[in-house]
Amino acid sequence: MNKCAVIVVIAIQSSAALGDDHKEATDAAYCIGVYQSEVEFWTKTDLKSGEARDAEMRQSRKQTFVEGAIKRGIIDRVTVGKMRAVGYKDGNSCLEQSQRCAQQWGEKMHDEQNSRILENCAKLVETVCERAYKNCD
């Protein structure tokens, strides 16, 4: 193998590693927003909530990871801010849709005609929440 081929192989491997690192950092920034919406939700519903503490811990781990990625130049703060905002919005959508379905279930649980509505609501929650939590712990 000649010297030029070795350099090309190293460059390709380095680019792939940086791409993976960037995706991981981007996903982590997104998850910071998802977890922030969760922390706010649980804090509003129950100030002593274990769920809020768990979400804060997950958020803190992701924040630490992202700060390290920023220092290493893998991701920039503008991208982090944008991904965090999208994650926050998706997290809120998941929680809001979950609340709507829970409310509908409470109101209509004895009405068998509405079972399809409730099933569809549950499928929507699954879709919205899967998008929000897909790449998060």
C-alpha atoms as a PDB file:
ATOM      1  CA  MET A   1       0.000   0.000   0.000  1.00  0.00           C
ATOM      2  CA  ASN A   2       1.487   3.327  -0.944  1.00  0.00           C
ATOM      3  CA  LYS A   3       1.724   6.426   1.236  1.00  0.00           C
ATOM      4  CA  CYS A   4      -1.129   8.239  -0.561  1.00  0.00           C
ATOM      5  CA  ALA A   5      -3.553   5.340  -0.046  1.00  0.00           C
ATOM      6  CA  VAL A   6      -2.758   5.247   3.689  1.00  0.00           C
ATOM      7  CA  ILE A   7      -3.516   8.965   4.027  1.00  0.00           C
ATOM      8  CA  VAL A   8      -6.839   8.542   2.183  1.00  0.00           C
ATOM      9  CA  VAL A   9      -7.859   5.641   4.454  1.00  0.00           C
ATOM     10  CA  ILE A  10      -7.001   7.637   7.583  1.00  0.00           C
ATOM     11  CA  ALA A  11      -8.909  10.677   6.291  1.00  0.00           C
ATOM     12  CA  ILE A  12     -11.997   8.582   5.531  1.00  0.00           C
ATOM     13  CA  GLN A  13     -11.906   6.921   8.956  1.00  0.00           C
ATOM     14  CA  SER A  14     -11.466  10.291  10.677  1.00  0.00           C
ATOM     15  CA  SER A  15     -14.391  11.809   8.752  1.00  0.00           C
ATOM     16  CA  ALA A  16     -16.629   8.881   9.659  1.00  0.00           C
ATOM     17  CA  ALA A  17     -15.679   9.159  13.329  1.00  0.00           C
ATOM     18  CA  LEU A  18     -16.335  12.908  13.346  1.00  0.00           C
ATOM     19  CA  GLY A  19     -19.679  12.335  11.634  1.00  0.00           C
ATOM     20  CA  ASP A  20     -20.679   9.799  14.287  1.00  0.00           C
ATOM     21  CA  ASP A  21     -19.509  12.140  17.051  1.00  0.00           C
ATOM     22  CA  HIS A  22     -21.474  15.017  15.537  1.00  0.00           C
ATOM     23  CA  LYS A  23     -24.648  12.931  15.294  1.00  0.00           C
ATOM     24  CA  GLU A  24     -24.239  11.781  18.887  1.00  0.00           C
ATOM     25  CA  ALA A  25     -23.716  15.382  20.050  1.00  0.00           C
ATOM     26  CA  THR A  26     -26.686  16.600  17.999  1.00  0.00           C
ATOM     27  CA  ASP A  27     -28.910  13.867  19.449  1.00  0.00           C
ATOM     28  CA  ALA A  28     -27.728  14.737  22.956  1.00  0.00           C
ATOM     29  CA  ALA A  29     -28.532  18.425  22.418  1.00  0.00           C
ATOM     30  CA  TYR A  30     -32.007  17.456  21.204  1.00  0.00           C
ATOM     31  CA  CYS A  31     -32.498  15.289  24.299  1.00  0.00           C
ATOM     32  CA  ILE A  32     -31.576  18.181  26.585  1.00  0.00           C
ATOM     33  CA  GLY A  33     -34.667  19.957  25.268  1.00  0.00           C
ATOM     34  CA  VAL A  34     -36.855  16.864  25.574  1.00  0.00           C
ATOM     35  CA  TYR A  35     -35.770  16.373  29.180  1.00  0.00           C
ATOM     36  CA  GLN A  36     -36.266  20.081  29.950  1.00  0.00           C
ATOM     37  CA  SER A  37     -39.913  19.826  28.906  1.00  0.00           C
ATOM     38  CA  GLU A  38     -40.248  16.731  31.075  1.00  0.00           C
ATOM     39  CA  VAL A  39     -38.665  18.454  34.090  1.00  0.00           C
ATOM     40  CA  GLU A  40     -41.040  21.401  33.724  1.00  0.00           C
ATOM     41  CA  PHE A  41     -44.052  19.106  33.332  1.00  0.00           C
ATOM     42  CA  TRP A  42     -43.265  17.004  36.397  1.00  0.00           C
ATOM     43  CA  THR A  43     -42.355  20.059  38.463  1.00  0.00           C
ATOM     44  CA  LYS A  44     -45.761  21.607  37.680  1.00  0.00           C
ATOM     45  CA  THR A  45     -47.646  18.430  38.539  1.00  0.00           C
ATOM     46  CA  ASP A  46     -45.740  17.357  41.657  1.00  0.00           C
ATOM     47  CA  LEU A  47     -42.951  19.401  43.216  1.00  0.00           C
ATOM     48  CA  LYS A  48     -41.471  16.350  44.980  1.00  0.00           C
ATOM     49  CA  SER A  49     -41.672  14.171  41.916  1.00  0.00           C
ATOM     50  CA  GLY A  50     -39.062  11.486  41.468  1.00  0.00           C
ATOM     51  CA  GLU A  51     -39.757  11.705  37.756  1.00  0.00           C
ATOM     52  CA  ALA A  52     -38.608  15.342  37.718  1.00  0.00           C
ATOM     53  CA  ARG A  53     -35.367  14.397  39.498  1.00  0.00           C
ATOM     54  CA  ASP A  54     -34.786  11.523  37.072  1.00  0.00           C
ATOM     55  CA  ALA A  55     -35.339  13.815  34.086  1.00  0.00           C
ATOM     56  CA  GLU A  56     -32.982  16.398  35.606  1.00  0.00           C
ATOM     57  CA  MET A  57     -30.289  13.735  35.995  1.00  0.00           C
ATOM     58  CA  ARG A  58     -30.698  12.550  32.392  1.00  0.00           C
ATOM     59  CA  GLN A  59     -30.630  16.165  31.220  1.00  0.00           C
ATOM     60  CA  SER A  60     -27.492  16.868  33.249  1.00  0.00           C
ATOM     61  CA  ARG A  61     -25.655  13.868  31.741  1.00  0.00           C
ATOM     62  CA  LYS A  62     -26.546  15.015  28.226  1.00  0.00           C
ATOM     63  CA  GLN A  63     -25.525  18.594  29.041  1.00  0.00           C
ATOM     64  CA  THR A  64     -22.128  17.413  30.276  1.00  0.00           C
ATOM     65  CA  PHE A  65     -21.635  15.384  27.118  1.00  0.00           C
ATOM     66  CA  VAL A  66     -22.621  18.305  24.873  1.00  0.00           C
ATOM     67  CA  GLU A  67     -20.343  20.743  26.713  1.00  0.00           C
ATOM     68  CA  GLY A  68     -17.445  18.355  26.108  1.00  0.00           C
ATOM     69  CA  ALA A  69     -18.369  18.078  22.430  1.00  0.00           C
ATOM     70  CA  ILE A  70     -18.433  21.885  22.156  1.00  0.00           C
ATOM     71  CA  LYS A  71     -14.954  22.114  23.712  1.00  0.00           C
ATOM     72  CA  ARG A  72     -13.646  19.506  21.257  1.00  0.00           C
ATOM     73  CA  GLY A  73     -15.173  21.415  18.318  1.00  0.00           C
ATOM     74  CA  ILE A  74     -17.536  18.605  17.375  1.00  0.00           C
ATOM     75  CA  ILE A  75     -20.631  20.818  17.631  1.00  0.00           C
ATOM     76  CA  ASP A  76     -21.230  24.556  17.980  1.00  0.00           C
ATOM     77  CA  ARG A  77     -23.492  26.396  20.411  1.00  0.00           C
ATOM     78  CA  VAL A  78     -25.860  27.615  17.669  1.00  0.00           C
ATOM     79  CA  THR A  79     -26.575  24.031  16.588  1.00  0.00           C
ATOM     80  CA  VAL A  80     -26.982  23.004  20.217  1.00  0.00           C
ATOM     81  CA  GLY A  81     -29.507  25.793  20.765  1.00  0.00           C
ATOM     82  CA  LYS A  82     -31.513  24.852  17.691  1.00  0.00           C
ATOM     83  CA  MET A  83     -31.561  21.146  18.489  1.00  0.00           C
ATOM     84  CA  ARG A  84     -32.465  21.841  22.096  1.00  0.00           C
ATOM     85  CA  ALA A  85     -35.411  24.006  20.969  1.00  0.00           C
ATOM     86  CA  VAL A  86     -36.683  21.281  18.619  1.00  0.00           C
ATOM     87  CA  GLY A  87     -36.346  18.669  21.366  1.00  0.00           C
ATOM     88  CA  TYR A  88     -38.188  20.910  23.810  1.00  0.00           C
ATOM     89  CA  LYS A  89     -41.042  21.381  21.331  1.00  0.00           C
ATOM     90  CA  ASP A  90     -41.267  17.651  20.601  1.00  0.00           C
ATOM     91  CA  GLY A  91     -41.149  16.814  24.316  1.00  0.00           C
ATOM     92  CA  ASN A  92     -43.969  19.258  24.992  1.00  0.00           C
ATOM     93  CA  SER A  93     -46.011  17.778  22.141  1.00  0.00           C
ATOM     94  CA  CYS A  94     -45.606  14.308  23.627  1.00  0.00           C
ATOM     95  CA  LEU A  95     -46.654  15.425  27.106  1.00  0.00           C
ATOM     96  CA  GLU A  96     -49.579  17.537  25.852  1.00  0.00           C
ATOM     97  CA  GLN A  97     -50.918  14.721  23.669  1.00  0.00           C
ATOM     98  CA  SER A  98     -50.532  12.264  26.549  1.00  0.00           C
ATOM     99  CA  GLN A  99     -52.540  14.571  28.797  1.00  0.00           C
ATOM    100  CA  ARG A 100     -55.282  14.967  26.157  1.00  0.00           C
ATOM    101  CA  CYS A 101     -55.613  11.207  25.825  1.00  0.00           C
ATOM    102  CA  ALA A 102     -55.660  10.697  29.572  1.00  0.00           C
ATOM    103  CA  GLN A 103     -58.391  13.298  29.874  1.00  0.00           C
ATOM    104  CA  GLN A 104     -60.430  11.703  27.079  1.00  0.00           C
ATOM    105  CA  TRP A 105     -59.991   8.283  28.641  1.00  0.00           C
ATOM    106  CA  GLY A 106     -61.246   9.618  31.968  1.00  0.00           C
ATOM    107  CA  GLU A 107     -64.274  11.198  30.348  1.00  0.00           C
ATOM    108  CA  LYS A 108     -65.189   8.344  28.014  1.00  0.00           C
ATOM    109  CA  MET A 109     -63.929   5.171  29.617  1.00  0.00           C
ATOM    110  CA  HIS A 110     -67.452   3.749  29.981  1.00  0.00           C
ATOM    111  CA  ASP A 111     -68.527   4.631  26.464  1.00  0.00           C
ATOM    112  CA  GLU A 112     -67.627   1.717  24.163  1.00  0.00           C
ATOM    113  CA  GLN A 113     -68.416   3.722  21.029  1.00  0.00           C
ATOM    114  CA  ASN A 114     -65.484   5.945  21.800  1.00  0.00           C
ATOM    115  CA  SER A 115     -62.977   3.120  22.101  1.00  0.00           C
ATOM    116  CA  ARG A 116     -61.711   3.791  18.560  1.00  0.00           C
ATOM    117  CA  ILE A 117     -61.146   7.445  19.407  1.00  0.00           C
ATOM    118  CA  LEU A 118     -59.160   6.418  22.453  1.00  0.00           C
ATOM    119  CA  GLU A 119     -57.182   3.824  20.483  1.00  0.00           C
ATOM    120  CA  ASN A 120     -56.341   6.427  17.831  1.00  0.00           C
ATOM    121  CA  CYS A 121     -55.321   8.853  20.541  1.00  0.00           C
ATOM    122  CA  ALA A 122     -53.006   6.243  22.051  1.00  0.00           C
ATOM    123  CA  LYS A 123     -51.439   5.585  18.633  1.00  0.00           C
ATOM    124  CA  LEU A 124     -50.881   9.301  18.154  1.00  0.00           C
ATOM    125  CA  VAL A 125     -49.209   9.540  21.566  1.00  0.00           C
ATOM    126  CA  GLU A 126     -46.982   6.622  20.669  1.00  0.00           C
ATOM    127  CA  THR A 127     -45.941   8.273  17.398  1.00  0.00           C
ATOM    128  CA  VAL A 128     -45.332  11.710  18.907  1.00  0.00           C
ATOM    129  CA  CYS A 129     -43.495  10.372  21.933  1.00  0.00           C
ATOM    130  CA  GLU A 130     -41.416   7.933  19.912  1.00  0.00           C
ATOM    131  CA  ARG A 131     -40.163  10.862  17.835  1.00  0.00           C
ATOM    132  CA  ALA A 132     -39.281  12.788  20.998  1.00  0.00           C
ATOM    133  CA  TYR A 133     -37.556   9.937  22.846  1.00  0.00           C
ATOM    134  CA  LYS A 134     -36.217   7.851  19.959  1.00  0.00           C
ATOM    135  CA  ASN A 135     -32.578   8.842  20.390  1.00  0.00           C
ATOM    136  CA  CYS A 136     -32.742   9.720  24.079  1.00  0.00           C
ATOM    137  CA  ASP A 137     -31.829   7.258  26.841  1.00  0.00           C
END
